[in-house]
Amino acid sequence: MQAAATLLLALGAALLLTGGGRCLGRGLLLLLPRRARRALPDKNGDGARELKTMKSDRMQVLQMDVCSDQEVAQAVDFVKRTLKEPEGGLWGLVNNAGISTFGEVEFATLDNYKNVAEINLWGTVRVTKAFLPLIRRAKGRVVNITSMLGRMVSPSRSCYCISKFGVAAFSDCLRQEMYRWGVRVILIEPSNFVAATGILTADGIDKQAEALWSGASDTVQEDYGREYFTRHVALMKSFINSGLKDMSLVLNDITDALTSTHPNNRYNPMETYWWVRLQVMTHLPTAIADWLYVPGATL
């Protein structure tokens, strides 16, 4: 499993951004064109090719697998060698690398859960632990991109939700530990940006659906039925072009988290509907929240 990484020099300070080959990483770099930056995303990814066309003499390219202890350690060494003042540390770490999946609990395999968590959760933990000494030296920022599904759940998204809830818990613990070091740990919890990020595709859903159905037991296939499963897959495909197509809300919050003198502990870049739903799901009694939003739920 590969996940792109990006190192950049922006705002006059060094930043590390995982998942830099994706839309969010490219957008963040483009948001800071007036400030010094050095970017090092996946050598072979679309983001890397786009960055190369900028022809910045301060730009280098690096591939890092957030699931590999060896590659992460090599990245730490590279950053230390690249920094003009290594003793000054690394100002910002943005953990953005992530994947998504779907599948109701009885269809999802343990490998589904492990594969998503390996990048979304353990990749975040691995990279953060590796770079924390540099972050502490700079009294810098750790910015973790989670999701509204790291605060509330949704049917068929348990693999993803578990990974994002885990990142949120990790971030909350780390935030409390880092106060004494002057390091800020910040969560970005976006709503639905599927259309903007392309994190779900029709081909990807079809491949996942085939694996889910073929991997289900005879009992599960018989009890749920192919017709129900087909409707479920069609519902997932309807989300492909859903949500906000403009990433500016997320990009602006990441920028504020990195540059503000007094950043928030949590940012919620989302539409009003999702903000209200998040408050309902996290503050009202569970039975009432489920009754309002989950089909079939009763009081």
C-alpha atoms as a PDB file:
ATOM      1  CA  MET A   1       0.000   0.000   0.000  1.00  0.00           C
ATOM      2  CA  GLN A   2       1.456   3.307  -1.074  1.00  0.00           C
ATOM      3  CA  ALA A   3       0.543   6.759   0.107  1.00  0.00           C
ATOM      4  CA  ALA A   4       2.146   9.872  -1.329  1.00  0.00           C
ATOM      5  CA  ALA A   5       3.923  12.373   0.868  1.00  0.00           C
ATOM      6  CA  THR A   6       4.898  15.991   0.393  1.00  0.00           C
ATOM      7  CA  LEU A   7       7.477  18.159   2.062  1.00  0.00           C
ATOM      8  CA  LEU A   8       7.189  21.899   1.463  1.00  0.00           C
ATOM      9  CA  LEU A   9       8.816  25.076   2.587  1.00  0.00           C
ATOM     10  CA  ALA A  10       6.042  27.620   3.024  1.00  0.00           C
ATOM     11  CA  LEU A  11       5.472  30.697   5.118  1.00  0.00           C
ATOM     12  CA  GLY A  12       9.204  30.739   5.718  1.00  0.00           C
ATOM     13  CA  ALA A  13       9.014  27.471   7.670  1.00  0.00           C
ATOM     14  CA  ALA A  14       9.274  23.790   6.745  1.00  0.00           C
ATOM     15  CA  LEU A  15       6.084  21.721   6.510  1.00  0.00           C
ATOM     16  CA  LEU A  16       5.439  18.043   5.849  1.00  0.00           C
ATOM     17  CA  LEU A  17       2.203  17.060   4.136  1.00  0.00           C
ATOM     18  CA  THR A  18       1.255  13.410   3.630  1.00  0.00           C
ATOM     19  CA  GLY A  19      -1.049  12.615   0.742  1.00  0.00           C
ATOM     20  CA  GLY A  20       0.417  15.523  -1.239  1.00  0.00           C
ATOM     21  CA  GLY A  21      -0.227  13.902  -4.598  1.00  0.00           C
ATOM     22  CA  ARG A  22      -3.968  14.236  -4.100  1.00  0.00           C
ATOM     23  CA  CYS A  23      -6.221  17.212  -4.707  1.00  0.00           C
ATOM     24  CA  LEU A  24      -5.879  18.538  -1.171  1.00  0.00           C
ATOM     25  CA  GLY A  25      -2.115  18.548  -1.253  1.00  0.00           C
ATOM     26  CA  ARG A  26      -1.918  20.276  -4.630  1.00  0.00           C
ATOM     27  CA  GLY A  27      -4.525  22.808  -3.544  1.00  0.00           C
ATOM     28  CA  LEU A  28      -2.620  23.697  -0.385  1.00  0.00           C
ATOM     29  CA  LEU A  29       0.537  24.312  -2.375  1.00  0.00           C
ATOM     30  CA  LEU A  30      -1.316  26.491  -4.853  1.00  0.00           C
ATOM     31  CA  LEU A  31      -2.869  28.436  -1.971  1.00  0.00           C
ATOM     32  CA  LEU A  32       0.551  29.573  -0.801  1.00  0.00           C
ATOM     33  CA  PRO A  33       2.235  30.719  -4.047  1.00  0.00           C
ATOM     34  CA  ARG A  34       3.241  34.107  -2.677  1.00  0.00           C
ATOM     35  CA  ARG A  35       5.285  32.592   0.130  1.00  0.00           C
ATOM     36  CA  ALA A  36       8.461  30.547  -0.048  1.00  0.00           C
ATOM     37  CA  ARG A  37       7.744  26.854  -0.469  1.00  0.00           C
ATOM     38  CA  ARG A  38       9.519  23.597  -1.191  1.00  0.00           C
ATOM     39  CA  ALA A  39       7.413  20.627  -2.189  1.00  0.00           C
ATOM     40  CA  LEU A  40       8.348  16.982  -2.430  1.00  0.00           C
ATOM     41  CA  PRO A  41       5.379  14.796  -3.383  1.00  0.00           C
ATOM     42  CA  ASP A  42       5.232  11.331  -4.926  1.00  0.00           C
ATOM     43  CA  LYS A  43       7.683  11.230  -7.833  1.00  0.00           C
ATOM     44  CA  ASN A  44       5.285   9.242  -9.985  1.00  0.00           C
ATOM     45  CA  GLY A  45       1.970  10.862  -9.063  1.00  0.00           C
ATOM     46  CA  ASP A  46      -0.094  13.486 -10.856  1.00  0.00           C
ATOM     47  CA  GLY A  47       0.651  15.940  -8.063  1.00  0.00           C
ATOM     48  CA  ALA A  48       4.383  15.522  -8.610  1.00  0.00           C
ATOM     49  CA  ARG A  49       4.075  16.132 -12.335  1.00  0.00           C
ATOM     50  CA  GLU A  50       1.986  19.256 -11.717  1.00  0.00           C
ATOM     51  CA  LEU A  51       4.489  20.594  -9.225  1.00  0.00           C
ATOM     52  CA  LYS A  52       7.383  19.930 -11.588  1.00  0.00           C
ATOM     53  CA  THR A  53       5.745  22.114 -14.221  1.00  0.00           C
ATOM     54  CA  MET A  54       5.996  25.055 -11.814  1.00  0.00           C
ATOM     55  CA  LYS A  55       9.771  24.911 -12.366  1.00  0.00           C
ATOM     56  CA  SER A  56      10.556  26.139  -8.862  1.00  0.00           C
ATOM     57  CA  ASP A  57      14.265  26.045  -8.127  1.00  0.00           C
ATOM     58  CA  ARG A  58      13.343  25.328  -4.514  1.00  0.00           C
ATOM     59  CA  MET A  59      11.268  22.256  -5.358  1.00  0.00           C
ATOM     60  CA  GLN A  60      12.266  18.619  -4.900  1.00  0.00           C
ATOM     61  CA  VAL A  61      10.283  15.386  -5.194  1.00  0.00           C
ATOM     62  CA  LEU A  62      10.105  12.470  -2.743  1.00  0.00           C
ATOM     63  CA  GLN A  63       8.051   9.265  -2.456  1.00  0.00           C
ATOM     64  CA  MET A  64       7.142   8.053   1.028  1.00  0.00           C
ATOM     65  CA  ASP A  65       4.955   5.123   2.016  1.00  0.00           C
ATOM     66  CA  VAL A  66       3.300   6.051   5.314  1.00  0.00           C
ATOM     67  CA  CYS A  67       2.854   2.328   5.981  1.00  0.00           C
ATOM     68  CA  SER A  68       6.610   1.647   5.886  1.00  0.00           C
ATOM     69  CA  ASP A  69       8.767   2.211   8.964  1.00  0.00           C
ATOM     70  CA  GLN A  70      11.840   2.207   6.741  1.00  0.00           C
ATOM     71  CA  GLU A  71      10.566   4.785   4.255  1.00  0.00           C
ATOM     72  CA  VAL A  72       9.303   7.059   7.018  1.00  0.00           C
ATOM     73  CA  ALA A  73      12.691   6.881   8.741  1.00  0.00           C
ATOM     74  CA  GLN A  74      14.382   7.675   5.421  1.00  0.00           C
ATOM     75  CA  ALA A  75      12.055  10.647   5.020  1.00  0.00           C
ATOM     76  CA  VAL A  76      13.037  11.956   8.452  1.00  0.00           C
ATOM     77  CA  ASP A  77      16.703  11.741   7.473  1.00  0.00           C
ATOM     78  CA  PHE A  78      15.971  13.495   4.178  1.00  0.00           C
ATOM     79  CA  VAL A  79      14.120  16.315   5.934  1.00  0.00           C
ATOM     80  CA  LYS A  80      16.988  16.805   8.366  1.00  0.00           C
ATOM     81  CA  ARG A  81      19.453  17.015   5.475  1.00  0.00           C
ATOM     82  CA  THR A  82      17.176  19.355   3.501  1.00  0.00           C
ATOM     83  CA  LEU A  83      16.385  21.871   6.243  1.00  0.00           C
ATOM     84  CA  LYS A  84      18.601  24.949   6.130  1.00  0.00           C
ATOM     85  CA  GLU A  85      18.549  25.031   9.926  1.00  0.00           C
ATOM     86  CA  PRO A  86      17.886  21.476  11.185  1.00  0.00           C
ATOM     87  CA  GLU A  87      18.198  22.627  14.784  1.00  0.00           C
ATOM     88  CA  GLY A  88      15.219  24.887  14.188  1.00  0.00           C
ATOM     89  CA  GLY A  89      13.046  21.859  13.608  1.00  0.00           C
ATOM     90  CA  LEU A  90       9.973  21.301  11.450  1.00  0.00           C
ATOM     91  CA  TRP A  91       7.180  23.826  11.860  1.00  0.00           C
ATOM     92  CA  GLY A  92       4.226  21.878  10.542  1.00  0.00           C
ATOM     93  CA  LEU A  93       3.065  18.302   9.931  1.00  0.00           C
ATOM     94  CA  VAL A  94      -0.185  17.816   8.016  1.00  0.00           C
ATOM     95  CA  ASN A  95      -1.380  14.203   8.043  1.00  0.00           C
ATOM     96  CA  ASN A  96      -3.621  14.051   5.009  1.00  0.00           C
ATOM     97  CA  ALA A  97      -2.899  10.613   3.486  1.00  0.00           C
ATOM     98  CA  GLY A  98      -6.015   8.478   3.518  1.00  0.00           C
ATOM     99  CA  ILE A  99      -8.286   6.077   1.665  1.00  0.00           C
ATOM    100  CA  SER A 100     -11.995   5.340   1.844  1.00  0.00           C
ATOM    101  CA  THR A 101     -14.122   2.247   1.518  1.00  0.00           C
ATOM    102  CA  PHE A 102     -17.670   1.026   2.162  1.00  0.00           C
ATOM    103  CA  GLY A 103     -19.496  -2.120   3.171  1.00  0.00           C
ATOM    104  CA  GLU A 104     -21.879  -3.143   5.895  1.00  0.00           C
ATOM    105  CA  VAL A 105     -20.314  -4.969   8.825  1.00  0.00           C
ATOM    106  CA  GLU A 106     -21.447  -8.439   7.717  1.00  0.00           C
ATOM    107  CA  PHE A 107     -19.890  -7.912   4.278  1.00  0.00           C
ATOM    108  CA  ALA A 108     -16.660  -6.199   5.311  1.00  0.00           C
ATOM    109  CA  THR A 109     -13.764  -8.520   6.083  1.00  0.00           C
ATOM    110  CA  LEU A 110     -11.190  -8.019   8.803  1.00  0.00           C
ATOM    111  CA  ASP A 111      -8.694  -7.284   6.027  1.00  0.00           C
ATOM    112  CA  ASN A 112     -10.934  -4.409   4.891  1.00  0.00           C
ATOM    113  CA  TYR A 113     -10.720  -2.903   8.365  1.00  0.00           C
ATOM    114  CA  LYS A 114      -6.973  -3.490   8.610  1.00  0.00           C
ATOM    115  CA  ASN A 115      -6.182  -2.046   5.174  1.00  0.00           C
ATOM    116  CA  VAL A 116      -8.032   1.218   5.819  1.00  0.00           C
ATOM    117  CA  ALA A 117      -6.615   1.570   9.324  1.00  0.00           C
ATOM    118  CA  GLU A 118      -3.072   0.874   8.128  1.00  0.00           C
ATOM    119  CA  ILE A 119      -3.040   4.097   6.103  1.00  0.00           C
ATOM    120  CA  ASN A 120      -5.610   6.307   7.814  1.00  0.00           C
ATOM    121  CA  LEU A 121      -4.762   5.516  11.441  1.00  0.00           C
ATOM    122  CA  TRP A 122      -1.430   3.730  11.761  1.00  0.00           C
ATOM    123  CA  GLY A 123       0.085   5.801   8.958  1.00  0.00           C
ATOM    124  CA  THR A 124      -0.835   8.946  10.888  1.00  0.00           C
ATOM    125  CA  VAL A 125       0.567   7.548  14.131  1.00  0.00           C
ATOM    126  CA  ARG A 126       3.753   6.304  12.433  1.00  0.00           C
ATOM    127  CA  VAL A 127       4.535   9.587  10.665  1.00  0.00           C
ATOM    128  CA  THR A 128       3.632  11.729  13.673  1.00  0.00           C
ATOM    129  CA  LYS A 129       5.838   9.767  16.058  1.00  0.00           C
ATOM    130  CA  ALA A 130       8.746   9.895  13.614  1.00  0.00           C
ATOM    131  CA  PHE A 131       8.597  13.671  13.125  1.00  0.00           C
ATOM    132  CA  LEU A 132       7.563  14.767  16.627  1.00  0.00           C
ATOM    133  CA  PRO A 133      11.126  15.482  17.805  1.00  0.00           C
ATOM    134  CA  LEU A 134      11.538  17.948  14.931  1.00  0.00           C
ATOM    135  CA  ILE A 135       8.083  19.437  15.578  1.00  0.00           C
ATOM    136  CA  ARG A 136       8.845  19.862  19.281  1.00  0.00           C
ATOM    137  CA  ARG A 137      12.120  21.589  18.455  1.00  0.00           C
ATOM    138  CA  ALA A 138      10.221  24.188  16.428  1.00  0.00           C
ATOM    139  CA  LYS A 139       7.285  24.384  18.877  1.00  0.00           C
ATOM    140  CA  GLY A 140       5.256  23.773  15.757  1.00  0.00           C
ATOM    141  CA  ARG A 141       1.947  22.327  14.641  1.00  0.00           C
ATOM    142  CA  VAL A 142       0.525  18.873  13.989  1.00  0.00           C
ATOM    143  CA  VAL A 143      -2.564  19.113  11.776  1.00  0.00           C
ATOM    144  CA  ASN A 144      -4.496  15.872  11.300  1.00  0.00           C
ATOM    145  CA  ILE A 145      -7.142  15.607   8.599  1.00  0.00           C
ATOM    146  CA  THR A 146      -9.936  13.407   9.891  1.00  0.00           C
ATOM    147  CA  SER A 147     -13.599  13.698   8.877  1.00  0.00           C
ATOM    148  CA  MET A 148     -17.006  14.407  10.260  1.00  0.00           C
ATOM    149  CA  LEU A 149     -17.117  10.568  10.256  1.00  0.00           C
ATOM    150  CA  GLY A 150     -14.504  10.718  12.974  1.00  0.00           C
ATOM    151  CA  ARG A 151     -17.150  12.312  15.203  1.00  0.00           C
ATOM    152  CA  MET A 152     -20.360  10.650  14.014  1.00  0.00           C
ATOM    153  CA  VAL A 153     -21.031   7.378  12.237  1.00  0.00           C
ATOM    154  CA  SER A 154     -22.833   6.315   9.080  1.00  0.00           C
ATOM    155  CA  PRO A 155     -24.162   2.919   7.963  1.00  0.00           C
ATOM    156  CA  SER A 156     -21.798   1.023   5.625  1.00  0.00           C
ATOM    157  CA  ARG A 157     -18.815   3.157   6.630  1.00  0.00           C
ATOM    158  CA  SER A 158     -17.590   1.341   9.744  1.00  0.00           C
ATOM    159  CA  CYS A 159     -14.116   0.619   8.303  1.00  0.00           C
ATOM    160  CA  TYR A 160     -13.608   4.297   7.552  1.00  0.00           C
ATOM    161  CA  CYS A 161     -15.256   5.563  10.740  1.00  0.00           C
ATOM    162  CA  ILE A 162     -13.109   3.372  12.984  1.00  0.00           C
ATOM    163  CA  SER A 163      -9.944   4.704  11.368  1.00  0.00           C
ATOM    164  CA  LYS A 164     -11.040   8.325  11.670  1.00  0.00           C
ATOM    165  CA  PHE A 165     -12.347   7.975  15.234  1.00  0.00           C
ATOM    166  CA  GLY A 166      -8.955   6.502  16.022  1.00  0.00           C
ATOM    167  CA  VAL A 167      -7.124   9.466  14.524  1.00  0.00           C
ATOM    168  CA  ALA A 168      -9.349  11.834  16.517  1.00  0.00           C
ATOM    169  CA  ALA A 169      -8.612  10.009  19.781  1.00  0.00           C
ATOM    170  CA  PHE A 170      -4.894   9.894  18.995  1.00  0.00           C
ATOM    171  CA  SER A 171      -4.935  13.626  18.233  1.00  0.00           C
ATOM    172  CA  ASP A 172      -6.796  14.500  21.436  1.00  0.00           C
ATOM    173  CA  CYS A 173      -4.325  12.536  23.560  1.00  0.00           C
ATOM    174  CA  LEU A 174      -1.359  14.026  21.725  1.00  0.00           C
ATOM    175  CA  ARG A 175      -2.760  17.551  22.070  1.00  0.00           C
ATOM    176  CA  GLN A 176      -2.869  17.205  25.843  1.00  0.00           C
ATOM    177  CA  GLU A 177       0.649  15.757  25.955  1.00  0.00           C
ATOM    178  CA  MET A 178       2.111  18.478  23.742  1.00  0.00           C
ATOM    179  CA  TYR A 179       0.900  21.545  25.668  1.00  0.00           C
ATOM    180  CA  ARG A 180       4.015  21.473  27.835  1.00  0.00           C
ATOM    181  CA  TRP A 181       6.183  21.575  24.712  1.00  0.00           C
ATOM    182  CA  GLY A 182       4.371  24.501  23.107  1.00  0.00           C
ATOM    183  CA  VAL A 183       3.192  22.295  20.226  1.00  0.00           C
ATOM    184  CA  ARG A 184      -0.369  22.676  18.921  1.00  0.00           C
ATOM    185  CA  VAL A 185      -2.245  19.583  17.719  1.00  0.00           C
ATOM    186  CA  ILE A 186      -5.208  20.443  15.520  1.00  0.00           C
ATOM    187  CA  LEU A 187      -7.982  18.441  13.861  1.00  0.00           C
ATOM    188  CA  ILE A 188      -9.574  19.297  10.517  1.00  0.00           C
ATOM    189  CA  GLU A 189     -12.944  17.515  10.246  1.00  0.00           C
ATOM    190  CA  PRO A 190     -14.357  18.038   6.737  1.00  0.00           C
ATOM    191  CA  SER A 191     -17.829  16.998   5.648  1.00  0.00           C
ATOM    192  CA  ASN A 192     -18.589  15.559   2.210  1.00  0.00           C
ATOM    193  CA  PHE A 193     -15.948  16.538  -0.366  1.00  0.00           C
ATOM    194  CA  VAL A 194     -16.180  13.334  -2.408  1.00  0.00           C
ATOM    195  CA  ALA A 195     -16.682  15.178  -5.687  1.00  0.00           C
ATOM    196  CA  ALA A 196     -13.701  17.435  -5.023  1.00  0.00           C
ATOM    197  CA  THR A 197     -11.276  14.740  -3.891  1.00  0.00           C
ATOM    198  CA  GLY A 198     -12.277  11.799  -6.061  1.00  0.00           C
ATOM    199  CA  ILE A 199     -11.837   9.522  -3.059  1.00  0.00           C
ATOM    200  CA  LEU A 200     -14.726   7.384  -4.397  1.00  0.00           C
ATOM    201  CA  THR A 201     -14.939   6.292  -8.046  1.00  0.00           C
ATOM    202  CA  ALA A 202     -17.396   4.110  -9.960  1.00  0.00           C
ATOM    203  CA  ASP A 203     -14.699   1.597 -10.849  1.00  0.00           C
ATOM    204  CA  GLY A 204     -13.463   1.520  -7.275  1.00  0.00           C
ATOM    205  CA  ILE A 205     -16.963   0.917  -5.939  1.00  0.00           C
ATOM    206  CA  ASP A 206     -17.594  -1.875  -8.466  1.00  0.00           C
ATOM    207  CA  LYS A 207     -14.359  -3.621  -7.502  1.00  0.00           C
ATOM    208  CA  GLN A 208     -15.099  -3.274  -3.793  1.00  0.00           C
ATOM    209  CA  ALA A 209     -18.676  -4.479  -4.315  1.00  0.00           C
ATOM    210  CA  GLU A 210     -17.525  -7.585  -6.172  1.00  0.00           C
ATOM    211  CA  ALA A 211     -15.075  -8.411  -3.401  1.00  0.00           C
ATOM    212  CA  LEU A 212     -17.668  -7.776  -0.681  1.00  0.00           C
ATOM    213  CA  TRP A 213     -20.288 -10.009  -2.272  1.00  0.00           C
ATOM    214  CA  SER A 214     -17.944 -12.834  -3.212  1.00  0.00           C
ATOM    215  CA  GLY A 215     -16.366 -12.752   0.243  1.00  0.00           C
ATOM    216  CA  ALA A 216     -19.676 -12.928   2.112  1.00  0.00           C
ATOM    217  CA  SER A 217     -20.847 -16.200   3.566  1.00  0.00           C
ATOM    218  CA  ASP A 218     -23.713 -18.114   1.975  1.00  0.00           C
ATOM    219  CA  THR A 219     -25.871 -17.205   4.964  1.00  0.00           C
ATOM    220  CA  VAL A 220     -25.220 -13.482   4.582  1.00  0.00           C
ATOM    221  CA  GLN A 221     -25.815 -13.609   0.816  1.00  0.00           C
ATOM    222  CA  GLU A 222     -29.092 -15.446   1.336  1.00  0.00           C
ATOM    223  CA  ASP A 223     -30.337 -13.266   4.195  1.00  0.00           C
ATOM    224  CA  TYR A 224     -29.533  -9.907   2.567  1.00  0.00           C
ATOM    225  CA  GLY A 225     -30.209 -10.924  -1.018  1.00  0.00           C
ATOM    226  CA  ARG A 226     -28.592  -9.776  -4.243  1.00  0.00           C
ATOM    227  CA  GLU A 227     -31.333  -7.209  -4.914  1.00  0.00           C
ATOM    228  CA  TYR A 228     -30.674  -5.415  -1.623  1.00  0.00           C
ATOM    229  CA  PHE A 229     -26.926  -5.501  -2.213  1.00  0.00           C
ATOM    230  CA  THR A 230     -27.311  -4.089  -5.733  1.00  0.00           C
ATOM    231  CA  ARG A 231     -29.410  -1.196  -4.416  1.00  0.00           C
ATOM    232  CA  HIS A 232     -26.781  -0.562  -1.780  1.00  0.00           C
ATOM    233  CA  VAL A 233     -24.013  -0.380  -4.394  1.00  0.00           C
ATOM    234  CA  ALA A 234     -26.140   1.987  -6.502  1.00  0.00           C
ATOM    235  CA  LEU A 235     -26.600   4.208  -3.447  1.00  0.00           C
ATOM    236  CA  MET A 236     -22.837   4.365  -2.943  1.00  0.00           C
ATOM    237  CA  LYS A 237     -22.352   5.305  -6.594  1.00  0.00           C
ATOM    238  CA  SER A 238     -24.807   8.166  -6.152  1.00  0.00           C
ATOM    239  CA  PHE A 239     -22.318   9.738  -3.736  1.00  0.00           C
ATOM    240  CA  ILE A 240     -19.526   9.981  -6.322  1.00  0.00           C
ATOM    241  CA  ASN A 241     -20.513  13.463  -7.465  1.00  0.00           C
ATOM    242  CA  SER A 242     -21.949  14.561  -4.140  1.00  0.00           C
ATOM    243  CA  GLY A 243     -20.746  17.173  -1.723  1.00  0.00           C
ATOM    244  CA  LEU A 244     -18.783  20.351  -2.245  1.00  0.00           C
ATOM    245  CA  LYS A 245     -16.645  20.566  -5.360  1.00  0.00           C
ATOM    246  CA  ASP A 246     -14.581  23.469  -4.036  1.00  0.00           C
ATOM    247  CA  MET A 247     -11.862  22.589  -1.528  1.00  0.00           C
ATOM    248  CA  SER A 248     -11.323  26.169  -0.397  1.00  0.00           C
ATOM    249  CA  LEU A 249     -13.078  25.662   2.972  1.00  0.00           C
ATOM    250  CA  VAL A 250     -10.679  22.851   3.856  1.00  0.00           C
ATOM    251  CA  LEU A 251      -7.622  24.601   2.442  1.00  0.00           C
ATOM    252  CA  ASN A 252      -8.382  27.822   4.294  1.00  0.00           C
ATOM    253  CA  ASP A 253      -8.785  25.935   7.584  1.00  0.00           C
ATOM    254  CA  ILE A 254      -5.498  24.075   7.110  1.00  0.00           C
ATOM    255  CA  THR A 255      -3.773  27.359   6.335  1.00  0.00           C
ATOM    256  CA  ASP A 256      -5.269  28.980   9.437  1.00  0.00           C
ATOM    257  CA  ALA A 257      -4.256  25.991  11.563  1.00  0.00           C
ATOM    258  CA  LEU A 258      -0.679  26.399  10.360  1.00  0.00           C
ATOM    259  CA  THR A 259      -0.413  30.184  10.483  1.00  0.00           C
ATOM    260  CA  SER A 260      -2.779  31.556  13.126  1.00  0.00           C
ATOM    261  CA  THR A 261      -1.300  32.724  16.416  1.00  0.00           C
ATOM    262  CA  HIS A 262      -4.279  31.186  18.183  1.00  0.00           C
ATOM    263  CA  PRO A 263      -5.586  28.299  16.025  1.00  0.00           C
ATOM    264  CA  ASN A 264      -8.682  26.325  16.917  1.00  0.00           C
ATOM    265  CA  ASN A 265      -8.296  22.828  18.295  1.00  0.00           C
ATOM    266  CA  ARG A 266     -10.893  21.669  15.764  1.00  0.00           C
ATOM    267  CA  TYR A 267     -12.054  23.023  12.421  1.00  0.00           C
ATOM    268  CA  ASN A 268     -15.283  21.907  10.727  1.00  0.00           C
ATOM    269  CA  PRO A 269     -15.172  22.873   7.038  1.00  0.00           C
ATOM    270  CA  MET A 270     -18.675  21.894   5.971  1.00  0.00           C
ATOM    271  CA  GLU A 271     -22.052  23.038   4.733  1.00  0.00           C
ATOM    272  CA  THR A 272     -24.678  24.185   7.247  1.00  0.00           C
ATOM    273  CA  TYR A 273     -26.686  20.964   6.825  1.00  0.00           C
ATOM    274  CA  TRP A 274     -23.743  18.801   7.849  1.00  0.00           C
ATOM    275  CA  TRP A 275     -22.756  21.123  10.690  1.00  0.00           C
ATOM    276  CA  VAL A 276     -26.273  20.897  12.152  1.00  0.00           C
ATOM    277  CA  ARG A 277     -26.335  17.122  11.695  1.00  0.00           C
ATOM    278  CA  LEU A 278     -22.949  16.802  13.403  1.00  0.00           C
ATOM    279  CA  GLN A 279     -24.211  18.766  16.409  1.00  0.00           C
ATOM    280  CA  VAL A 280     -27.369  16.656  16.579  1.00  0.00           C
ATOM    281  CA  MET A 281     -25.518  13.348  16.342  1.00  0.00           C
ATOM    282  CA  THR A 282     -22.925  14.310  18.945  1.00  0.00           C
ATOM    283  CA  HIS A 283     -25.088  16.191  21.451  1.00  0.00           C
ATOM    284  CA  LEU A 284     -28.638  14.801  21.435  1.00  0.00           C
ATOM    285  CA  PRO A 285     -29.522  11.458  23.044  1.00  0.00           C
ATOM    286  CA  THR A 286     -28.490   8.665  20.685  1.00  0.00           C
ATOM    287  CA  ALA A 287     -32.046   7.331  20.245  1.00  0.00           C
ATOM    288  CA  ILE A 288     -33.337  10.722  19.110  1.00  0.00           C
ATOM    289  CA  ALA A 289     -30.387  11.379  16.806  1.00  0.00           C
ATOM    290  CA  ASP A 290     -30.763   7.959  15.153  1.00  0.00           C
ATOM    291  CA  TRP A 291     -34.516   8.440  14.782  1.00  0.00           C
ATOM    292  CA  LEU A 292     -33.952  11.733  12.988  1.00  0.00           C
ATOM    293  CA  TYR A 293     -31.335  10.529  10.524  1.00  0.00           C
ATOM    294  CA  VAL A 294     -31.180   6.736  10.274  1.00  0.00           C
ATOM    295  CA  PRO A 295     -33.859   4.883   8.248  1.00  0.00           C
ATOM    296  CA  GLY A 296     -35.583   2.233  10.334  1.00  0.00           C
ATOM    297  CA  ALA A 297     -34.551   3.667  13.691  1.00  0.00           C
ATOM    298  CA  THR A 298     -37.339   3.860  16.290  1.00  0.00           C
ATOM    299  CA  LEU A 299     -37.720   5.684  19.580  1.00  0.00           C
END
